Amino acid sequence: MHLMYNEDPSTGKRTYTLKKVMDGVVTKSAHPARFSPDDKYSRHRVTLKKRYGLLLTQQGEHKVLATTTPELLTTE
Protein backbone atom coordinates (compact mmCIF):
# COMPACT_ATOMS: atom_id res chain seq x y z
CA MET A 1 0.00 0.00 0.00
CA HIS A 2 1.28 3.41 -0.97
CA LEU A 3 0.28 6.84 0.22
CA MET A 4 -2.23 8.39 -2.17
CA TYR A 5 -4.06 11.75 -2.27
CA ASN A 6 -7.07 13.56 -3.67
CA GLU A 7 -7.14 17.30 -4.19
CA ASP A 8 -10.27 19.22 -3.17
CA PRO A 9 -11.18 21.40 -6.19
CA SER A 10 -12.78 24.16 -4.12
CA THR A 11 -9.97 24.68 -1.59
CA GLY A 12 -7.00 23.07 -3.34
CA LYS A 13 -6.09 21.13 -0.19
CA ARG A 14 -4.95 17.52 -0.41
CA THR A 15 -6.58 14.66 1.46
CA TYR A 16 -4.17 11.77 2.01
CA THR A 17 -5.32 8.15 2.11
CA LEU A 18 -4.17 4.59 1.44
CA LYS A 19 -7.14 3.84 -0.84
CA LYS A 20 -6.88 3.67 -4.64
CA VAL A 21 -10.39 5.13 -5.09
CA MET A 22 -11.87 7.62 -2.63
CA ASP A 23 -15.47 8.88 -2.95
CA GLY A 24 -15.65 7.59 -6.53
CA VAL A 25 -12.55 9.53 -7.62
CA VAL A 26 -9.27 7.81 -8.50
CA THR A 27 -6.49 8.98 -6.19
CA LYS A 28 -2.99 10.06 -7.26
CA SER A 29 0.29 8.78 -5.89
CA ALA A 30 1.87 10.99 -3.23
CA HIS A 31 5.36 9.72 -4.06
CA PRO A 32 7.64 11.36 -6.66
CA ALA A 33 8.66 9.51 -9.79
CA ARG A 34 11.95 7.63 -9.80
CA PHE A 35 15.00 9.53 -10.96
CA SER A 36 18.03 8.03 -12.63
CA PRO A 37 21.13 10.04 -13.57
CA ASP A 38 21.63 7.53 -16.40
CA ASP A 39 18.73 8.75 -18.56
CA LYS A 40 18.36 6.22 -21.37
CA TYR A 41 15.58 8.04 -23.20
CA SER A 42 16.72 11.70 -23.24
CA ARG A 43 17.78 11.46 -26.90
CA HIS A 44 14.28 10.36 -27.88
CA ARG A 45 12.62 13.16 -25.89
CA VAL A 46 14.84 15.78 -27.53
CA THR A 47 14.14 14.33 -30.98
CA LEU A 48 10.38 14.51 -30.39
CA LYS A 49 10.60 18.05 -29.04
CA LYS A 50 12.59 19.12 -32.13
CA ARG A 51 10.05 17.45 -34.42
CA TYR A 52 7.07 19.22 -32.87
CA GLY A 53 8.77 22.57 -32.21
CA LEU A 54 8.71 22.37 -28.42
CA LEU A 55 12.34 23.20 -27.70
CA LEU A 56 12.94 26.55 -26.00
CA THR A 57 15.14 27.60 -28.93
CA GLN A 58 12.17 27.12 -31.27
CA GLN A 59 9.71 29.19 -29.18
CA GLY A 60 10.22 32.67 -30.65
CA GLU A 61 10.79 35.31 -27.97
CA HIS A 62 12.25 33.93 -24.78
CA LYS A 63 11.36 35.03 -21.29
CA VAL A 64 14.62 36.05 -19.65
CA LEU A 65 14.76 36.04 -15.90
CA ALA A 66 16.98 38.93 -14.88
CA THR A 67 18.14 39.84 -11.41
CA THR A 68 18.27 43.55 -12.25
CA THR A 69 15.40 45.88 -12.98
CA PRO A 70 15.08 47.54 -16.42
CA GLU A 71 15.69 50.97 -14.87
CA LEU A 72 19.19 49.90 -13.89
CA LEU A 73 19.99 48.76 -17.43
CA THR A 74 19.39 52.15 -19.10
CA THR A 75 22.41 54.33 -19.74
CA GLU A 76 22.00 58.09 -19.95
C-alpha atoms as a PDB file:
ATOM      1  CA  MET A   1       0.000   0.000   0.000  1.00  0.00           C
ATOM      2  CA  HIS A   2       1.283   3.415  -0.971  1.00  0.00           C
ATOM      3  CA  LEU A   3       0.278   6.840   0.222  1.00  0.00           C
ATOM      4  CA  MET A   4      -2.233   8.394  -2.174  1.00  0.00           C
ATOM      5  CA  TYR A   5      -4.060  11.752  -2.265  1.00  0.00           C
ATOM      6  CA  ASN A   6      -7.072  13.560  -3.673  1.00  0.00           C
ATOM      7  CA  GLU A   7      -7.145  17.304  -4.188  1.00  0.00           C
ATOM      8  CA  ASP A   8     -10.266  19.221  -3.172  1.00  0.00           C
ATOM      9  CA  PRO A   9     -11.185  21.405  -6.194  1.00  0.00           C
ATOM     10  CA  SER A  10     -12.783  24.161  -4.117  1.00  0.00           C
ATOM     11  CA  THR A  11      -9.974  24.675  -1.586  1.00  0.00           C
ATOM     12  CA  GLY A  12      -7.000  23.072  -3.336  1.00  0.00           C
ATOM     13  CA  LYS A  13      -6.085  21.132  -0.191  1.00  0.00           C
ATOM     14  CA  ARG A  14      -4.950  17.525  -0.413  1.00  0.00           C
ATOM     15  CA  THR A  15      -6.582  14.656   1.456  1.00  0.00           C
ATOM     16  CA  TYR A  16      -4.166  11.770   2.005  1.00  0.00           C
ATOM     17  CA  THR A  17      -5.315   8.151   2.114  1.00  0.00           C
ATOM     18  CA  LEU A  18      -4.173   4.589   1.444  1.00  0.00           C
ATOM     19  CA  LYS A  19      -7.139   3.843  -0.842  1.00  0.00           C
ATOM     20  CA  LYS A  20      -6.885   3.666  -4.641  1.00  0.00           C
ATOM     21  CA  VAL A  21     -10.391   5.132  -5.095  1.00  0.00           C
ATOM     22  CA  MET A  22     -11.874   7.620  -2.633  1.00  0.00           C
ATOM     23  CA  ASP A  23     -15.466   8.877  -2.947  1.00  0.00           C
ATOM     24  CA  GLY A  24     -15.652   7.585  -6.527  1.00  0.00           C
ATOM     25  CA  VAL A  25     -12.545   9.529  -7.619  1.00  0.00           C
ATOM     26  CA  VAL A  26      -9.273   7.808  -8.503  1.00  0.00           C
ATOM     27  CA  THR A  27      -6.485   8.982  -6.190  1.00  0.00           C
ATOM     28  CA  LYS A  28      -2.994  10.063  -7.260  1.00  0.00           C
ATOM     29  CA  SER A  29       0.290   8.782  -5.888  1.00  0.00           C
ATOM     30  CA  ALA A  30       1.870  10.995  -3.231  1.00  0.00           C
ATOM     31  CA  HIS A  31       5.362   9.720  -4.063  1.00  0.00           C
ATOM     32  CA  PRO A  32       7.638  11.360  -6.664  1.00  0.00           C
ATOM     33  CA  ALA A  33       8.662   9.509  -9.794  1.00  0.00           C
ATOM     34  CA  ARG A  34      11.951   7.631  -9.797  1.00  0.00           C
ATOM     35  CA  PHE A  35      14.999   9.527 -10.964  1.00  0.00           C
ATOM     36  CA  SER A  36      18.026   8.033 -12.632  1.00  0.00           C
ATOM     37  CA  PRO A  37      21.127  10.036 -13.571  1.00  0.00           C
ATOM     38  CA  ASP A  38      21.627   7.528 -16.398  1.00  0.00           C
ATOM     39  CA  ASP A  39      18.732   8.750 -18.563  1.00  0.00           C
ATOM     40  CA  LYS A  40      18.358   6.216 -21.371  1.00  0.00           C
ATOM     41  CA  TYR A  41      15.580   8.042 -23.204  1.00  0.00           C
ATOM     42  CA  SER A  42      16.718  11.700 -23.244  1.00  0.00           C
ATOM     43  CA  ARG A  43      17.784  11.460 -26.895  1.00  0.00           C
ATOM     44  CA  HIS A  44      14.277  10.361 -27.884  1.00  0.00           C
ATOM     45  CA  ARG A  45      12.619  13.155 -25.894  1.00  0.00           C
ATOM     46  CA  VAL A  46      14.843  15.781 -27.526  1.00  0.00           C
ATOM     47  CA  THR A  47      14.138  14.327 -30.984  1.00  0.00           C
ATOM     48  CA  LEU A  48      10.381  14.505 -30.395  1.00  0.00           C
ATOM     49  CA  LYS A  49      10.601  18.050 -29.037  1.00  0.00           C
ATOM     50  CA  LYS A  50      12.586  19.116 -32.134  1.00  0.00           C
ATOM     51  CA  ARG A  51      10.052  17.448 -34.421  1.00  0.00           C
ATOM     52  CA  TYR A  52       7.068  19.221 -32.872  1.00  0.00           C
ATOM     53  CA  GLY A  53       8.774  22.573 -32.214  1.00  0.00           C
ATOM     54  CA  LEU A  54       8.706  22.366 -28.424  1.00  0.00           C
ATOM     55  CA  LEU A  55      12.337  23.202 -27.696  1.00  0.00           C
ATOM     56  CA  LEU A  56      12.938  26.550 -25.999  1.00  0.00           C
ATOM     57  CA  THR A  57      15.141  27.603 -28.927  1.00  0.00           C
ATOM     58  CA  GLN A  58      12.165  27.124 -31.265  1.00  0.00           C
ATOM     59  CA  GLN A  59       9.715  29.187 -29.182  1.00  0.00           C
ATOM     60  CA  GLY A  60      10.221  32.670 -30.647  1.00  0.00           C
ATOM     61  CA  GLU A  61      10.787  35.305 -27.971  1.00  0.00           C
ATOM     62  CA  HIS A  62      12.250  33.926 -24.781  1.00  0.00           C
ATOM     63  CA  LYS A  63      11.364  35.025 -21.291  1.00  0.00           C
ATOM     64  CA  VAL A  64      14.621  36.050 -19.654  1.00  0.00           C
ATOM     65  CA  LEU A  65      14.759  36.040 -15.896  1.00  0.00           C
ATOM     66  CA  ALA A  66      16.982  38.928 -14.882  1.00  0.00           C
ATOM     67  CA  THR A  67      18.138  39.841 -11.411  1.00  0.00           C
ATOM     68  CA  THR A  68      18.269  43.551 -12.246  1.00  0.00           C
ATOM     69  CA  THR A  69      15.396  45.882 -12.979  1.00  0.00           C
ATOM     70  CA  PRO A  70      15.077  47.539 -16.423  1.00  0.00           C
ATOM     71  CA  GLU A  71      15.690  50.972 -14.869  1.00  0.00           C
ATOM     72  CA  LEU A  72      19.194  49.896 -13.889  1.00  0.00           C
ATOM     73  CA  LEU A  73      19.987  48.761 -17.430  1.00  0.00           C
ATOM     74  CA  THR A  74      19.391  52.147 -19.098  1.00  0.00           C
ATOM     75  CA  THR A  75      22.413  54.332 -19.741  1.00  0.00           C
ATOM     76  CA  GLU A  76      21.995  58.086 -19.946  1.00  0.00           C
END
